């Protein structure tokens, strides 16, 4: 299985190159299915999501926007099957995980990911882990009703996005050190210029910025 987990999408050339390595070819003309569902419940300006889409286009991808909460499975599944890359966008992690389960996408992912790359931005990266409860509740300090705690389990670690971001002021090293003490899973905390490239469970950090790790086995 091949994955690219990011805080901020294709924010620099190193991350774009890592994605092309996962695809095994240039991004030019590759069909990318972008799932924006996590952003649906986020209020305010969405320039951050527009920036994500612009970066896809600049890299050369052919982009299809597929909202799994807006159309039925008979509509979204063929479009995901046509894509070589499934990119799940940022926003509300719990809302995204709810619709990944509710829509039936979770059931389809094992087969889809036999021949496709999974990529995530923020929430889309967080749900790849074994749980979304620790990532958000304990490390991002958002008060939420955790009706869903389980993630997709595509990786065996917690992903914390937006390290040192001015928009997420609690995601700092001191706070994460405290939070990590209550977590048994390994933790990767990445800034917006970093990503994780994963091939069959082997993790490689791609970074033009900063990142932190906790609870990794030595």
N, C-alpha and C. Protein backbone atom coordinates (compact mmCIF):
# COMPACT_ATOMS: atom_id res chain seq x y z
N UNK A 1 0.84 -1.20 0.00
CA UNK A 1 0.00 0.00 0.00
C UNK A 1 0.88 1.25 0.00
N UNK A 2 0.47 2.24 -0.77
CA UNK A 2 1.23 3.47 -0.90
C UNK A 2 0.40 4.65 -0.42
N UNK A 3 1.01 5.49 0.45
CA UNK A 3 0.31 6.64 0.99
C UNK A 3 1.22 7.85 1.04
N UNK A 4 0.61 9.02 0.91
CA UNK A 4 1.29 10.29 1.16
C UNK A 4 0.42 11.07 2.14
N UNK A 5 0.93 11.31 3.33
CA UNK A 5 0.18 12.03 4.36
C UNK A 5 0.81 13.39 4.58
N UNK A 6 0.01 14.44 4.38
CA UNK A 6 0.52 15.81 4.45
C UNK A 6 -0.31 16.66 5.40
N UNK A 7 0.28 17.77 5.82
CA UNK A 7 -0.46 18.78 6.56
C UNK A 7 -1.16 19.74 5.62
N UNK A 8 -0.50 20.05 4.50
CA UNK A 8 -0.96 21.15 3.65
C UNK A 8 -0.88 20.81 2.17
N UNK A 9 -1.04 19.55 1.85
CA UNK A 9 -1.06 19.17 0.44
C UNK A 9 0.29 19.29 -0.24
N UNK A 10 0.26 19.64 -1.51
CA UNK A 10 1.49 19.73 -2.30
C UNK A 10 2.09 21.12 -2.15
N UNK A 11 2.57 21.39 -0.95
CA UNK A 11 3.02 22.74 -0.59
C UNK A 11 4.43 23.07 -1.05
N UNK A 12 5.19 22.07 -1.50
CA UNK A 12 6.54 22.36 -2.01
C UNK A 12 6.97 21.27 -2.99
N UNK A 13 8.08 21.52 -3.64
CA UNK A 13 8.55 20.62 -4.71
C UNK A 13 8.94 19.24 -4.18
N UNK A 14 9.47 19.17 -2.96
CA UNK A 14 9.88 17.88 -2.41
C UNK A 14 8.70 16.95 -2.20
N UNK A 15 7.58 17.51 -1.74
CA UNK A 15 6.38 16.70 -1.53
C UNK A 15 5.79 16.25 -2.86
N UNK A 16 5.76 17.15 -3.84
CA UNK A 16 5.26 16.78 -5.16
C UNK A 16 6.12 15.68 -5.79
N UNK A 17 7.43 15.77 -5.61
CA UNK A 17 8.33 14.75 -6.14
C UNK A 17 8.09 13.41 -5.46
N UNK A 18 7.87 13.43 -4.15
CA UNK A 18 7.61 12.19 -3.41
C UNK A 18 6.33 11.52 -3.91
N UNK A 19 5.32 12.32 -4.23
CA UNK A 19 4.08 11.77 -4.75
C UNK A 19 4.28 11.14 -6.12
N UNK A 20 5.06 11.78 -6.96
CA UNK A 20 5.35 11.21 -8.28
C UNK A 20 6.12 9.89 -8.14
N UNK A 21 6.98 9.81 -7.14
CA UNK A 21 7.71 8.56 -6.90
C UNK A 21 6.74 7.45 -6.49
N UNK A 22 5.74 7.79 -5.70
CA UNK A 22 4.74 6.79 -5.31
C UNK A 22 3.93 6.34 -6.52
N UNK A 23 3.62 7.27 -7.40
CA UNK A 23 2.87 6.94 -8.62
C UNK A 23 3.72 6.20 -9.64
N UNK A 24 5.02 6.40 -9.55
CA UNK A 24 5.93 5.76 -10.50
C UNK A 24 6.01 6.47 -11.83
N UNK A 25 5.57 7.73 -11.87
CA UNK A 25 5.59 8.50 -13.11
C UNK A 25 5.30 9.96 -12.82
N UNK A 26 5.42 10.79 -13.86
CA UNK A 26 5.10 12.20 -13.74
C UNK A 26 3.62 12.39 -13.43
N UNK A 27 3.31 13.47 -12.72
CA UNK A 27 1.92 13.79 -12.40
C UNK A 27 1.14 14.29 -13.61
N UNK A 28 1.84 14.64 -14.67
CA UNK A 28 1.18 15.25 -15.82
C UNK A 28 0.09 14.34 -16.39
N UNK A 29 -1.15 14.80 -16.31
CA UNK A 29 -2.26 14.06 -16.87
C UNK A 29 -2.81 12.94 -16.01
N UNK A 30 -2.21 12.71 -14.84
CA UNK A 30 -2.70 11.65 -13.95
C UNK A 30 -4.04 12.08 -13.36
N UNK A 31 -4.99 11.16 -13.29
CA UNK A 31 -6.31 11.46 -12.76
C UNK A 31 -6.31 11.40 -11.24
N UNK A 32 -6.66 12.52 -10.64
CA UNK A 32 -6.70 12.68 -9.19
C UNK A 32 -8.15 12.90 -8.76
N UNK A 33 -8.65 12.08 -7.85
CA UNK A 33 -9.98 12.27 -7.28
C UNK A 33 -9.82 12.96 -5.94
N UNK A 34 -10.33 14.18 -5.84
CA UNK A 34 -10.21 14.96 -4.61
C UNK A 34 -11.53 14.89 -3.85
N UNK A 35 -11.45 14.45 -2.59
CA UNK A 35 -12.63 14.32 -1.74
C UNK A 35 -12.63 15.48 -0.74
N UNK A 36 -13.50 16.47 -0.92
CA UNK A 36 -13.48 17.69 -0.12
C UNK A 36 -14.37 17.62 1.12
N UNK A 37 -14.92 16.47 1.42
CA UNK A 37 -16.01 16.32 2.38
C UNK A 37 -15.69 16.89 3.76
N UNK A 38 -14.46 16.79 4.21
CA UNK A 38 -14.10 17.29 5.54
C UNK A 38 -14.33 18.79 5.69
N UNK A 39 -14.30 19.51 4.57
CA UNK A 39 -14.43 20.97 4.61
C UNK A 39 -15.88 21.44 4.67
N UNK A 40 -16.82 20.54 4.47
CA UNK A 40 -18.21 20.94 4.35
C UNK A 40 -18.76 21.64 5.59
N UNK A 41 -18.29 21.26 6.77
CA UNK A 41 -18.82 21.84 8.01
C UNK A 41 -17.92 22.93 8.57
N UNK A 42 -16.86 23.26 7.87
CA UNK A 42 -15.96 24.32 8.33
C UNK A 42 -16.47 25.67 7.84
N UNK A 43 -16.68 26.63 8.75
CA UNK A 43 -17.19 27.94 8.34
C UNK A 43 -16.09 28.83 7.76
N UNK A 44 -16.52 29.92 7.15
CA UNK A 44 -15.57 30.95 6.74
C UNK A 44 -14.90 30.73 5.41
N UNK A 45 -13.87 31.50 5.18
CA UNK A 45 -13.13 31.53 3.93
C UNK A 45 -12.51 30.17 3.62
N UNK A 46 -12.59 29.76 2.39
CA UNK A 46 -12.03 28.46 1.97
C UNK A 46 -10.85 28.64 1.01
N UNK A 47 -10.14 29.73 1.14
CA UNK A 47 -9.00 29.95 0.25
C UNK A 47 -7.95 28.86 0.42
N UNK A 48 -7.86 28.27 1.61
CA UNK A 48 -6.90 27.19 1.84
C UNK A 48 -7.20 25.97 0.95
N UNK A 49 -8.48 25.68 0.77
CA UNK A 49 -8.85 24.56 -0.09
C UNK A 49 -8.63 24.91 -1.57
N UNK A 50 -8.92 26.14 -1.92
CA UNK A 50 -8.66 26.59 -3.29
C UNK A 50 -7.17 26.49 -3.60
N UNK A 51 -6.35 26.83 -2.62
CA UNK A 51 -4.90 26.72 -2.78
C UNK A 51 -4.48 25.27 -3.01
N UNK A 52 -5.11 24.34 -2.27
CA UNK A 52 -4.82 22.92 -2.47
C UNK A 52 -5.11 22.51 -3.91
N UNK A 53 -6.27 22.93 -4.41
CA UNK A 53 -6.66 22.57 -5.78
C UNK A 53 -5.73 23.20 -6.81
N UNK A 54 -5.33 24.43 -6.57
CA UNK A 54 -4.39 25.09 -7.48
C UNK A 54 -3.06 24.36 -7.53
N UNK A 55 -2.61 23.88 -6.38
CA UNK A 55 -1.34 23.14 -6.34
C UNK A 55 -1.44 21.82 -7.11
N UNK A 56 -2.60 21.18 -7.07
CA UNK A 56 -2.78 19.96 -7.87
C UNK A 56 -2.62 20.29 -9.36
N UNK A 57 -3.27 21.36 -9.77
CA UNK A 57 -3.24 21.75 -11.18
C UNK A 57 -1.83 22.17 -11.60
N UNK A 58 -1.14 22.92 -10.74
CA UNK A 58 0.22 23.35 -11.06
C UNK A 58 1.16 22.15 -11.24
N UNK A 59 0.91 21.11 -10.46
CA UNK A 59 1.74 19.91 -10.54
C UNK A 59 1.44 19.10 -11.79
N UNK A 60 0.27 19.31 -12.38
CA UNK A 60 -0.06 18.66 -13.64
C UNK A 60 -1.19 17.65 -13.57
N UNK A 61 -1.81 17.47 -12.40
CA UNK A 61 -2.88 16.49 -12.26
C UNK A 61 -4.15 16.92 -12.98
N UNK A 62 -4.91 15.93 -13.41
CA UNK A 62 -6.26 16.13 -13.92
C UNK A 62 -7.20 15.87 -12.73
N UNK A 63 -7.89 16.91 -12.26
CA UNK A 63 -8.58 16.86 -10.97
C UNK A 63 -10.09 16.69 -11.13
N UNK A 64 -10.63 15.67 -10.45
CA UNK A 64 -12.07 15.49 -10.33
C UNK A 64 -12.44 15.67 -8.86
N UNK A 65 -13.42 16.52 -8.56
CA UNK A 65 -13.87 16.73 -7.19
C UNK A 65 -15.05 15.81 -6.92
N UNK A 66 -14.90 14.94 -5.92
CA UNK A 66 -15.90 13.92 -5.64
C UNK A 66 -16.29 14.00 -4.17
N UNK A 67 -17.44 14.60 -3.89
CA UNK A 67 -17.92 14.73 -2.52
C UNK A 67 -18.75 13.50 -2.17
N UNK A 68 -18.21 12.63 -1.32
CA UNK A 68 -18.88 11.36 -1.02
C UNK A 68 -20.14 11.55 -0.17
N UNK A 69 -20.33 12.75 0.39
CA UNK A 69 -21.55 13.01 1.17
C UNK A 69 -22.66 13.61 0.31
N UNK A 70 -22.35 13.97 -0.90
CA UNK A 70 -23.31 14.68 -1.76
C UNK A 70 -23.94 13.81 -2.83
N UNK A 71 -23.27 12.72 -3.18
CA UNK A 71 -23.79 11.84 -4.24
C UNK A 71 -23.75 10.40 -3.74
N UNK A 72 -24.51 9.54 -4.39
CA UNK A 72 -24.60 8.14 -3.97
C UNK A 72 -23.37 7.35 -4.42
N UNK A 73 -23.25 6.18 -3.84
CA UNK A 73 -22.12 5.31 -4.17
C UNK A 73 -22.07 4.95 -5.64
N UNK A 74 -23.23 4.81 -6.26
CA UNK A 74 -23.24 4.47 -7.69
C UNK A 74 -22.66 5.59 -8.54
N UNK A 75 -22.59 6.79 -7.97
CA UNK A 75 -21.99 7.93 -8.67
C UNK A 75 -20.51 8.06 -8.33
N UNK A 76 -20.17 8.01 -7.01
CA UNK A 76 -18.78 8.30 -6.65
C UNK A 76 -17.83 7.13 -6.88
N UNK A 77 -18.29 5.90 -6.74
CA UNK A 77 -17.37 4.78 -6.86
C UNK A 77 -16.74 4.67 -8.25
N UNK A 78 -17.51 4.73 -9.35
CA UNK A 78 -16.86 4.67 -10.67
C UNK A 78 -15.85 5.79 -10.89
N UNK A 79 -16.10 6.95 -10.30
CA UNK A 79 -15.17 8.07 -10.48
C UNK A 79 -13.88 7.84 -9.70
N UNK A 80 -13.97 7.22 -8.52
CA UNK A 80 -12.75 6.87 -7.79
C UNK A 80 -12.00 5.75 -8.50
N UNK A 81 -12.73 4.84 -9.11
CA UNK A 81 -12.10 3.75 -9.84
C UNK A 81 -11.35 4.25 -11.07
N UNK A 82 -11.80 5.36 -11.63
CA UNK A 82 -11.13 5.94 -12.79
C UNK A 82 -9.84 6.66 -12.42
N UNK A 83 -9.69 7.03 -11.16
CA UNK A 83 -8.53 7.80 -10.70
C UNK A 83 -7.36 6.89 -10.34
N UNK A 84 -6.16 7.46 -10.41
CA UNK A 84 -4.97 6.76 -9.95
C UNK A 84 -4.55 7.22 -8.56
N UNK A 85 -5.14 8.32 -8.13
CA UNK A 85 -4.76 8.93 -6.85
C UNK A 85 -6.02 9.41 -6.14
N UNK A 86 -6.20 8.98 -4.90
CA UNK A 86 -7.32 9.42 -4.07
C UNK A 86 -6.77 10.41 -3.05
N UNK A 87 -7.21 11.67 -3.12
CA UNK A 87 -6.68 12.71 -2.24
C UNK A 87 -7.82 13.22 -1.35
N UNK A 88 -7.74 12.94 -0.05
CA UNK A 88 -8.76 13.35 0.90
C UNK A 88 -8.34 14.65 1.56
N UNK A 89 -9.18 15.67 1.43
CA UNK A 89 -8.83 17.02 1.86
C UNK A 89 -9.00 17.27 3.35
N UNK A 90 -8.66 18.50 3.74
CA UNK A 90 -8.68 18.90 5.14
C UNK A 90 -10.00 19.47 5.58
N UNK A 91 -10.11 19.67 6.89
CA UNK A 91 -11.33 20.20 7.49
C UNK A 91 -11.60 19.51 8.81
N UNK A 92 -12.83 19.07 9.01
CA UNK A 92 -13.24 18.43 10.25
C UNK A 92 -13.02 16.93 10.16
N UNK A 93 -12.13 16.42 11.00
CA UNK A 93 -11.73 15.01 10.96
C UNK A 93 -12.91 14.09 11.24
N UNK A 94 -13.72 14.44 12.24
CA UNK A 94 -14.83 13.57 12.61
C UNK A 94 -15.91 13.53 11.53
N UNK A 95 -16.17 14.68 10.91
CA UNK A 95 -17.14 14.72 9.82
C UNK A 95 -16.67 13.86 8.65
N UNK A 96 -15.39 13.96 8.34
CA UNK A 96 -14.84 13.17 7.25
C UNK A 96 -14.96 11.68 7.55
N UNK A 97 -14.56 11.28 8.76
CA UNK A 97 -14.60 9.86 9.10
C UNK A 97 -16.03 9.34 9.10
N UNK A 98 -16.96 10.16 9.56
CA UNK A 98 -18.37 9.77 9.53
C UNK A 98 -18.80 9.41 8.11
N UNK A 99 -18.45 10.25 7.14
CA UNK A 99 -18.90 10.03 5.77
C UNK A 99 -18.11 8.94 5.05
N UNK A 100 -16.86 8.76 5.45
CA UNK A 100 -16.10 7.64 4.89
C UNK A 100 -16.78 6.32 5.27
N UNK A 101 -17.28 6.25 6.50
CA UNK A 101 -18.02 5.06 6.95
C UNK A 101 -19.43 5.02 6.35
N UNK A 102 -20.15 6.13 6.47
CA UNK A 102 -21.55 6.18 6.07
C UNK A 102 -21.74 5.94 4.58
N UNK A 103 -20.84 6.47 3.78
CA UNK A 103 -20.97 6.36 2.33
C UNK A 103 -20.65 4.97 1.79
N UNK A 104 -19.87 4.22 2.57
CA UNK A 104 -19.40 2.93 2.10
C UNK A 104 -17.98 2.96 1.57
N UNK A 105 -17.35 4.13 1.60
CA UNK A 105 -15.98 4.22 1.09
C UNK A 105 -15.01 3.36 1.90
N UNK A 106 -15.19 3.30 3.21
CA UNK A 106 -14.29 2.50 4.04
C UNK A 106 -14.26 1.04 3.57
N UNK A 107 -15.41 0.52 3.18
CA UNK A 107 -15.48 -0.87 2.70
C UNK A 107 -14.78 -1.04 1.36
N UNK A 108 -14.77 0.00 0.55
CA UNK A 108 -14.20 -0.09 -0.79
C UNK A 108 -12.69 0.17 -0.82
N UNK A 109 -12.17 0.86 0.21
CA UNK A 109 -10.76 1.28 0.17
C UNK A 109 -9.76 0.12 0.03
N UNK A 110 -9.92 -1.00 0.75
CA UNK A 110 -8.93 -2.07 0.58
C UNK A 110 -8.72 -2.48 -0.87
N UNK A 111 -9.81 -2.59 -1.63
CA UNK A 111 -9.68 -2.96 -3.04
C UNK A 111 -9.13 -1.80 -3.87
N UNK A 112 -9.62 -0.60 -3.62
CA UNK A 112 -9.15 0.57 -4.37
C UNK A 112 -7.65 0.79 -4.19
N UNK A 113 -7.17 0.59 -2.97
CA UNK A 113 -5.77 0.91 -2.68
C UNK A 113 -4.79 -0.18 -3.08
N UNK A 114 -5.29 -1.25 -3.66
CA UNK A 114 -4.39 -2.24 -4.25
C UNK A 114 -3.66 -1.66 -5.46
N UNK A 115 -4.32 -0.71 -6.14
CA UNK A 115 -3.74 -0.17 -7.37
C UNK A 115 -3.73 1.36 -7.40
N UNK A 116 -4.06 1.99 -6.28
CA UNK A 116 -4.10 3.46 -6.23
C UNK A 116 -3.34 3.97 -5.02
N UNK A 117 -2.91 5.21 -5.10
CA UNK A 117 -2.23 5.87 -3.98
C UNK A 117 -3.26 6.62 -3.14
N UNK A 118 -3.14 6.48 -1.83
CA UNK A 118 -3.96 7.25 -0.89
C UNK A 118 -3.14 8.46 -0.46
N UNK A 119 -3.73 9.65 -0.55
CA UNK A 119 -3.06 10.86 -0.07
C UNK A 119 -4.04 11.66 0.78
N UNK A 120 -3.49 12.35 1.78
CA UNK A 120 -4.35 13.12 2.66
C UNK A 120 -3.77 14.50 2.95
N UNK A 121 -4.68 15.41 3.24
CA UNK A 121 -4.32 16.74 3.73
C UNK A 121 -4.97 16.90 5.09
N UNK A 122 -4.19 17.13 6.12
CA UNK A 122 -4.71 17.39 7.47
C UNK A 122 -5.71 16.32 7.89
N UNK A 123 -7.00 16.60 7.92
CA UNK A 123 -8.00 15.61 8.33
C UNK A 123 -7.89 14.33 7.51
N UNK A 124 -7.64 14.48 6.22
CA UNK A 124 -7.50 13.32 5.35
C UNK A 124 -6.31 12.45 5.72
N UNK A 125 -5.30 13.05 6.35
CA UNK A 125 -4.16 12.29 6.84
C UNK A 125 -4.45 11.69 8.21
N UNK A 126 -5.14 12.45 9.06
CA UNK A 126 -5.42 11.99 10.43
C UNK A 126 -6.25 10.70 10.44
N UNK A 127 -7.20 10.57 9.52
CA UNK A 127 -8.06 9.38 9.56
C UNK A 127 -7.34 8.12 9.10
N UNK A 128 -6.14 8.24 8.56
CA UNK A 128 -5.40 7.06 8.10
C UNK A 128 -4.92 6.21 9.26
N UNK A 129 -4.83 6.78 10.47
CA UNK A 129 -4.32 6.08 11.64
C UNK A 129 -5.34 5.17 12.29
N UNK A 130 -4.93 4.50 13.38
CA UNK A 130 -5.82 3.56 14.06
C UNK A 130 -6.98 4.23 14.79
N UNK A 131 -6.80 5.49 15.19
CA UNK A 131 -7.85 6.22 15.88
C UNK A 131 -7.77 7.69 15.52
N UNK A 132 -8.92 8.37 15.52
CA UNK A 132 -8.92 9.82 15.32
C UNK A 132 -9.18 10.53 16.63
N UNK A 133 -9.50 9.78 17.67
CA UNK A 133 -9.84 10.39 18.96
C UNK A 133 -8.62 11.06 19.59
N UNK A 134 -7.52 10.35 19.69
CA UNK A 134 -6.33 10.93 20.31
C UNK A 134 -5.77 12.08 19.50
N UNK A 135 -5.74 11.93 18.19
CA UNK A 135 -5.16 12.96 17.34
C UNK A 135 -5.83 14.30 17.55
N UNK A 136 -7.14 14.30 17.64
CA UNK A 136 -7.86 15.56 17.73
C UNK A 136 -8.12 15.97 19.17
N UNK A 137 -8.68 15.06 19.95
CA UNK A 137 -9.11 15.41 21.30
C UNK A 137 -7.95 15.78 22.21
N UNK A 138 -6.90 14.98 22.19
CA UNK A 138 -5.81 15.19 23.14
C UNK A 138 -4.69 16.08 22.60
N UNK A 139 -4.50 16.07 21.29
CA UNK A 139 -3.37 16.80 20.75
C UNK A 139 -3.74 18.11 20.08
N UNK A 140 -4.95 18.22 19.57
CA UNK A 140 -5.37 19.48 18.96
C UNK A 140 -6.24 20.29 19.91
N UNK A 141 -6.64 19.70 21.00
CA UNK A 141 -7.43 20.40 22.02
C UNK A 141 -8.73 20.99 21.48
N UNK A 142 -9.39 20.24 20.64
CA UNK A 142 -10.71 20.65 20.20
C UNK A 142 -11.74 19.89 21.03
N UNK A 143 -12.71 20.58 21.53
CA UNK A 143 -13.77 19.93 22.28
C UNK A 143 -14.77 19.36 21.29
N UNK A 144 -14.83 18.06 21.23
CA UNK A 144 -15.73 17.40 20.29
C UNK A 144 -16.45 16.26 20.98
N UNK A 145 -17.56 15.87 20.42
CA UNK A 145 -18.24 14.66 20.86
C UNK A 145 -17.74 13.53 19.98
N UNK A 146 -16.94 12.68 20.57
CA UNK A 146 -16.25 11.65 19.79
C UNK A 146 -17.16 10.45 19.56
N UNK A 147 -18.14 10.62 18.67
CA UNK A 147 -19.03 9.52 18.34
C UNK A 147 -18.29 8.44 17.57
N UNK A 148 -17.29 8.84 16.81
CA UNK A 148 -16.44 7.89 16.09
C UNK A 148 -15.01 8.07 16.62
N UNK A 149 -14.41 7.00 17.07
CA UNK A 149 -13.04 7.06 17.55
C UNK A 149 -12.07 6.34 16.62
N UNK A 150 -12.57 5.36 15.88
CA UNK A 150 -11.70 4.54 15.04
C UNK A 150 -11.34 5.25 13.75
N UNK A 151 -10.08 5.13 13.36
CA UNK A 151 -9.64 5.60 12.05
C UNK A 151 -9.65 4.44 11.07
N UNK A 152 -9.02 4.65 9.93
CA UNK A 152 -8.99 3.62 8.89
C UNK A 152 -7.99 2.51 9.17
N UNK A 153 -6.99 2.79 10.01
CA UNK A 153 -6.00 1.78 10.32
C UNK A 153 -5.08 1.45 9.16
N UNK A 154 -4.90 2.40 8.25
CA UNK A 154 -3.98 2.18 7.13
C UNK A 154 -2.53 2.28 7.58
N UNK A 155 -2.29 3.00 8.67
CA UNK A 155 -0.97 3.11 9.28
C UNK A 155 -1.12 2.86 10.78
N UNK A 156 -0.01 2.61 11.46
CA UNK A 156 -0.07 2.25 12.88
C UNK A 156 0.38 3.39 13.80
N UNK A 157 0.28 4.63 13.32
CA UNK A 157 0.71 5.77 14.11
C UNK A 157 -0.31 6.90 14.05
N UNK A 158 -0.13 7.88 14.92
CA UNK A 158 -0.96 9.08 14.93
C UNK A 158 -0.31 10.16 14.07
N UNK A 159 -1.12 10.86 13.30
CA UNK A 159 -0.63 11.96 12.47
C UNK A 159 -1.17 13.27 13.03
N UNK A 160 -0.27 14.19 13.38
CA UNK A 160 -0.66 15.50 13.90
C UNK A 160 -0.24 16.57 12.88
N UNK A 161 -1.18 17.24 12.24
CA UNK A 161 -0.83 18.25 11.24
C UNK A 161 -0.60 19.64 11.84
N UNK A 162 -0.04 20.52 11.03
CA UNK A 162 0.04 21.96 11.30
C UNK A 162 0.92 22.32 12.50
N UNK A 163 2.02 21.59 12.67
CA UNK A 163 2.99 21.94 13.70
C UNK A 163 3.46 23.38 13.50
N UNK A 164 3.43 24.15 14.58
CA UNK A 164 3.91 25.55 14.60
C UNK A 164 3.11 26.50 13.69
N UNK A 165 1.94 26.08 13.26
CA UNK A 165 1.13 26.95 12.41
C UNK A 165 0.55 28.11 13.23
N UNK A 166 0.53 29.31 12.67
CA UNK A 166 -0.09 30.44 13.37
C UNK A 166 -1.60 30.28 13.53
N UNK A 167 -2.19 29.37 12.77
CA UNK A 167 -3.63 29.16 12.83
C UNK A 167 -4.02 28.09 13.86
N UNK A 168 -3.04 27.34 14.34
CA UNK A 168 -3.28 26.30 15.35
C UNK A 168 -2.24 26.47 16.45
N UNK A 169 -2.48 27.42 17.32
CA UNK A 169 -1.45 27.88 18.25
C UNK A 169 -1.12 26.89 19.36
N UNK A 170 -1.96 25.89 19.58
CA UNK A 170 -1.67 24.90 20.60
C UNK A 170 -0.76 23.78 20.10
N UNK A 171 -0.56 23.71 18.79
CA UNK A 171 0.24 22.61 18.25
C UNK A 171 1.71 23.03 18.25
N UNK A 172 2.29 22.94 19.44
CA UNK A 172 3.68 23.32 19.69
C UNK A 172 4.37 22.18 20.43
N UNK A 173 5.68 22.15 20.39
CA UNK A 173 6.44 21.03 20.92
C UNK A 173 6.11 20.74 22.38
N UNK A 174 6.07 21.76 23.22
CA UNK A 174 5.81 21.54 24.64
C UNK A 174 4.45 20.87 24.87
N UNK A 175 3.44 21.36 24.17
CA UNK A 175 2.11 20.78 24.32
C UNK A 175 2.04 19.35 23.80
N UNK A 176 2.72 19.10 22.69
CA UNK A 176 2.69 17.76 22.11
C UNK A 176 3.44 16.76 22.97
N UNK A 177 4.51 17.20 23.62
CA UNK A 177 5.24 16.31 24.52
C UNK A 177 4.33 15.83 25.65
N UNK A 178 3.54 16.75 26.18
CA UNK A 178 2.61 16.40 27.26
C UNK A 178 1.54 15.44 26.75
N UNK A 179 1.00 15.74 25.59
CA UNK A 179 -0.07 14.91 25.03
C UNK A 179 0.44 13.52 24.68
N UNK A 180 1.67 13.44 24.18
CA UNK A 180 2.21 12.16 23.73
C UNK A 180 2.40 11.18 24.88
N UNK A 181 2.54 11.69 26.09
CA UNK A 181 2.70 10.81 27.25
C UNK A 181 1.46 9.95 27.47
N UNK A 182 0.30 10.43 27.02
CA UNK A 182 -0.95 9.69 27.19
C UNK A 182 -1.28 8.82 25.99
N UNK A 183 -0.40 8.80 25.00
CA UNK A 183 -0.63 8.02 23.79
C UNK A 183 0.31 6.82 23.77
N UNK A 184 -0.21 5.69 23.37
CA UNK A 184 0.64 4.51 23.23
C UNK A 184 1.15 4.36 21.80
N UNK A 185 0.44 4.94 20.86
CA UNK A 185 0.85 4.86 19.46
C UNK A 185 2.03 5.77 19.18
N UNK A 186 2.86 5.42 18.18
CA UNK A 186 3.84 6.39 17.69
C UNK A 186 3.12 7.63 17.15
N UNK A 187 3.81 8.77 17.20
CA UNK A 187 3.22 10.04 16.75
C UNK A 187 4.19 10.76 15.82
N UNK A 188 3.66 11.22 14.69
CA UNK A 188 4.38 12.12 13.80
C UNK A 188 3.64 13.46 13.79
N UNK A 189 4.33 14.52 14.15
CA UNK A 189 3.75 15.87 14.09
C UNK A 189 4.50 16.65 13.01
N UNK A 190 3.79 17.09 11.99
CA UNK A 190 4.41 17.69 10.81
C UNK A 190 3.92 19.11 10.60
N UNK A 191 4.83 19.97 10.14
CA UNK A 191 4.41 21.32 9.76
C UNK A 191 3.89 21.30 8.33
N UNK A 192 3.53 22.47 7.83
CA UNK A 192 2.86 22.53 6.53
C UNK A 192 3.81 22.36 5.34
N UNK A 193 5.10 22.19 5.61
CA UNK A 193 6.06 21.93 4.54
C UNK A 193 6.66 20.54 4.65
N UNK A 194 5.92 19.65 5.34
CA UNK A 194 6.40 18.29 5.55
C UNK A 194 5.32 17.28 5.20
N UNK A 195 5.75 16.04 4.93
CA UNK A 195 4.82 14.97 4.59
C UNK A 195 5.46 13.63 4.95
N UNK A 196 4.63 12.59 4.96
CA UNK A 196 5.11 11.23 5.15
C UNK A 196 4.84 10.43 3.89
N UNK A 197 5.89 9.82 3.36
CA UNK A 197 5.78 8.93 2.21
C UNK A 197 5.85 7.50 2.75
N UNK A 198 4.84 6.71 2.47
CA UNK A 198 4.73 5.38 3.07
C UNK A 198 4.53 4.33 1.98
N UNK A 199 5.37 3.32 2.00
CA UNK A 199 5.26 2.20 1.06
C UNK A 199 5.28 0.91 1.86
N UNK A 200 4.16 0.20 1.85
CA UNK A 200 4.04 -1.08 2.56
C UNK A 200 4.51 -0.97 4.01
N UNK A 201 4.10 0.08 4.67
CA UNK A 201 4.39 0.26 6.09
C UNK A 201 5.71 0.96 6.40
N UNK A 202 6.58 1.13 5.41
CA UNK A 202 7.86 1.81 5.63
C UNK A 202 7.65 3.32 5.48
N UNK A 203 8.00 4.07 6.54
CA UNK A 203 7.73 5.51 6.58
C UNK A 203 9.00 6.31 6.29
N UNK A 204 8.86 7.27 5.37
CA UNK A 204 9.94 8.21 5.07
C UNK A 204 9.41 9.62 5.24
N UNK A 205 10.13 10.43 6.03
CA UNK A 205 9.73 11.82 6.22
C UNK A 205 10.27 12.67 5.08
N UNK A 206 9.39 13.43 4.45
CA UNK A 206 9.75 14.37 3.38
C UNK A 206 9.54 15.77 3.95
N UNK A 207 10.60 16.56 4.05
CA UNK A 207 10.42 17.84 4.73
C UNK A 207 11.33 18.93 4.20
N UNK A 208 10.71 20.08 3.96
CA UNK A 208 11.44 21.33 3.74
C UNK A 208 11.18 22.26 4.92
N UNK A 209 10.69 21.69 6.01
CA UNK A 209 10.35 22.48 7.19
C UNK A 209 10.76 21.76 8.45
N UNK A 210 9.79 21.53 9.35
CA UNK A 210 10.09 20.91 10.64
C UNK A 210 9.06 19.84 10.98
N UNK A 211 9.51 18.88 11.76
CA UNK A 211 8.63 17.82 12.21
C UNK A 211 9.14 17.27 13.54
N UNK A 212 8.25 16.60 14.27
CA UNK A 212 8.59 15.97 15.54
C UNK A 212 8.07 14.54 15.54
N UNK A 213 8.73 13.67 16.28
CA UNK A 213 8.23 12.31 16.47
C UNK A 213 8.22 11.96 17.95
N UNK A 214 7.27 11.12 18.33
CA UNK A 214 7.16 10.66 19.70
C UNK A 214 6.81 9.18 19.69
N UNK A 215 7.29 8.47 20.69
CA UNK A 215 6.94 7.07 20.92
C UNK A 215 7.38 6.13 19.80
N UNK A 216 8.34 6.55 19.00
CA UNK A 216 8.83 5.64 17.95
C UNK A 216 9.71 4.57 18.57
N UNK A 217 9.58 3.34 18.05
CA UNK A 217 10.44 2.27 18.54
C UNK A 217 11.88 2.50 18.05
N UNK A 218 12.80 2.31 18.94
CA UNK A 218 14.21 2.52 18.60
C UNK A 218 14.79 1.27 17.95
